């Protein structure tokens, strides 16, 4: 996992991918918190907007349950 902070945009990003695949869709988890997924439904990262307002506060959210179908072999 890689943690990135952009002070100019006050954006915090938790990067869970190693090979940086293309983001297929972004889901809003809660106000100012977004999760990025690839086309196979794997979580790539979580973005927190206005991160400095959340520093020192407890941040809780649940990711939506996803159903990922595997390609036929």
C-alpha atoms as a PDB file:
ATOM      1  CA  UNK A   1       0.000   0.000   0.000  1.00  0.00           C
ATOM      2  CA  UNK A   2       1.178   3.483  -0.821  1.00  0.00           C
ATOM      3  CA  UNK A   3      -0.100   6.632   0.862  1.00  0.00           C
ATOM      4  CA  UNK A   4      -0.017   9.920  -1.054  1.00  0.00           C
ATOM      5  CA  UNK A   5      -0.958  13.418   0.076  1.00  0.00           C
ATOM      6  CA  UNK A   6      -1.344  16.408  -2.243  1.00  0.00           C
ATOM      7  CA  UNK A   7      -1.215  19.562  -0.075  1.00  0.00           C
ATOM      8  CA  UNK A   8      -2.239  21.839  -2.968  1.00  0.00           C
ATOM      9  CA  UNK A   9      -5.518  19.966  -3.427  1.00  0.00           C
ATOM     10  CA  UNK A  10      -5.730  18.723   0.211  1.00  0.00           C
ATOM     11  CA  UNK A  11      -6.225  15.212  -1.124  1.00  0.00           C
ATOM     12  CA  UNK A  12      -5.194  11.955   0.573  1.00  0.00           C
ATOM     13  CA  UNK A  13      -4.973   8.770  -1.528  1.00  0.00           C
ATOM     14  CA  UNK A  14      -4.518   5.199  -0.317  1.00  0.00           C
ATOM     15  CA  UNK A  15      -3.119   3.260  -3.275  1.00  0.00           C
ATOM     16  CA  UNK A  16      -3.621  -0.516  -2.966  1.00  0.00           C
ATOM     17  CA  UNK A  17      -2.439  -1.439  -6.468  1.00  0.00           C
ATOM     18  CA  UNK A  18       1.105  -2.366  -7.363  1.00  0.00           C
ATOM     19  CA  UNK A  19       0.836  -2.179 -11.141  1.00  0.00           C
ATOM     20  CA  UNK A  20      -1.475   0.874 -11.372  1.00  0.00           C
ATOM     21  CA  UNK A  21      -4.175  -0.548 -13.636  1.00  0.00           C
ATOM     22  CA  UNK A  22      -6.716   1.792 -15.186  1.00  0.00           C
ATOM     23  CA  UNK A  23      -9.606   2.863 -12.951  1.00  0.00           C
ATOM     24  CA  UNK A  24     -12.857   1.546 -14.412  1.00  0.00           C
ATOM     25  CA  UNK A  25     -15.239   3.124 -11.945  1.00  0.00           C
ATOM     26  CA  UNK A  26     -15.307   5.279  -8.846  1.00  0.00           C
ATOM     27  CA  UNK A  27     -17.854   4.802  -6.073  1.00  0.00           C
ATOM     28  CA  UNK A  28     -18.701   7.523  -3.549  1.00  0.00           C
ATOM     29  CA  UNK A  29     -18.449   5.848  -0.145  1.00  0.00           C
ATOM     30  CA  UNK A  30     -19.373   8.874   1.929  1.00  0.00           C
ATOM     31  CA  UNK A  31     -19.177  12.618   1.442  1.00  0.00           C
ATOM     32  CA  UNK A  32     -15.632  13.345   0.285  1.00  0.00           C
ATOM     33  CA  UNK A  33     -14.511   9.687   0.272  1.00  0.00           C
ATOM     34  CA  UNK A  34     -14.304   7.800  -3.032  1.00  0.00           C
ATOM     35  CA  UNK A  35     -13.162   4.261  -3.882  1.00  0.00           C
ATOM     36  CA  UNK A  36     -11.577   3.378  -7.234  1.00  0.00           C
ATOM     37  CA  UNK A  37     -12.090  -0.080  -8.784  1.00  0.00           C
ATOM     38  CA  UNK A  38     -10.647  -1.778 -11.858  1.00  0.00           C
ATOM     39  CA  UNK A  39     -12.824  -3.542 -14.443  1.00  0.00           C
ATOM     40  CA  UNK A  40     -12.589  -6.800 -12.447  1.00  0.00           C
ATOM     41  CA  UNK A  41     -13.990  -5.105  -9.335  1.00  0.00           C
ATOM     42  CA  UNK A  42     -10.703  -4.999  -7.429  1.00  0.00           C
ATOM     43  CA  UNK A  43     -10.231  -2.073  -5.070  1.00  0.00           C
ATOM     44  CA  UNK A  44      -7.375   0.066  -6.388  1.00  0.00           C
ATOM     45  CA  UNK A  45      -7.472   2.990  -4.014  1.00  0.00           C
ATOM     46  CA  UNK A  46      -9.415   5.271  -1.708  1.00  0.00           C
ATOM     47  CA  UNK A  47      -9.405   9.041  -2.137  1.00  0.00           C
ATOM     48  CA  UNK A  48     -10.200  11.426   0.720  1.00  0.00           C
ATOM     49  CA  UNK A  49     -11.042  15.010  -0.215  1.00  0.00           C
ATOM     50  CA  UNK A  50     -10.389  17.863   2.238  1.00  0.00           C
ATOM     51  CA  UNK A  51      -8.145  15.477   4.142  1.00  0.00           C
ATOM     52  CA  UNK A  52      -6.746  18.074   6.547  1.00  0.00           C
ATOM     53  CA  UNK A  53     -10.221  18.542   8.014  1.00  0.00           C
ATOM     54  CA  UNK A  54     -10.262  14.816   8.878  1.00  0.00           C
ATOM     55  CA  UNK A  55      -6.784  14.542  10.411  1.00  0.00           C
ATOM     56  CA  UNK A  56      -7.113  13.544  14.028  1.00  0.00           C
ATOM     57  CA  UNK A  57     -10.716  12.427  13.586  1.00  0.00           C
ATOM     58  CA  UNK A  58     -11.980   8.895  13.386  1.00  0.00           C
ATOM     59  CA  UNK A  59     -12.896   7.987   9.801  1.00  0.00           C
ATOM     60  CA  UNK A  60     -15.292   5.103   9.306  1.00  0.00           C
ATOM     61  CA  UNK A  61     -17.070   3.848   6.229  1.00  0.00           C
ATOM     62  CA  UNK A  62     -18.100   0.557   4.682  1.00  0.00           C
ATOM     63  CA  UNK A  63     -17.367  -0.456   1.133  1.00  0.00           C
ATOM     64  CA  UNK A  64     -20.330  -1.679  -0.884  1.00  0.00           C
ATOM     65  CA  UNK A  65     -20.650  -5.428  -1.313  1.00  0.00           C
ATOM     66  CA  UNK A  66     -19.544  -6.318  -4.795  1.00  0.00           C
ATOM     67  CA  UNK A  67     -20.348  -9.358  -6.865  1.00  0.00           C
ATOM     68  CA  UNK A  68     -17.585 -10.163  -9.290  1.00  0.00           C
ATOM     69  CA  UNK A  69     -18.155 -12.852 -11.867  1.00  0.00           C
ATOM     70  CA  UNK A  70     -15.150 -14.779 -13.083  1.00  0.00           C
ATOM     71  CA  UNK A  71     -14.678 -15.300 -16.814  1.00  0.00           C
ATOM     72  CA  UNK A  72     -15.484 -18.754 -18.113  1.00  0.00           C
ATOM     73  CA  UNK A  73     -12.439 -20.885 -18.802  1.00  0.00           C
END
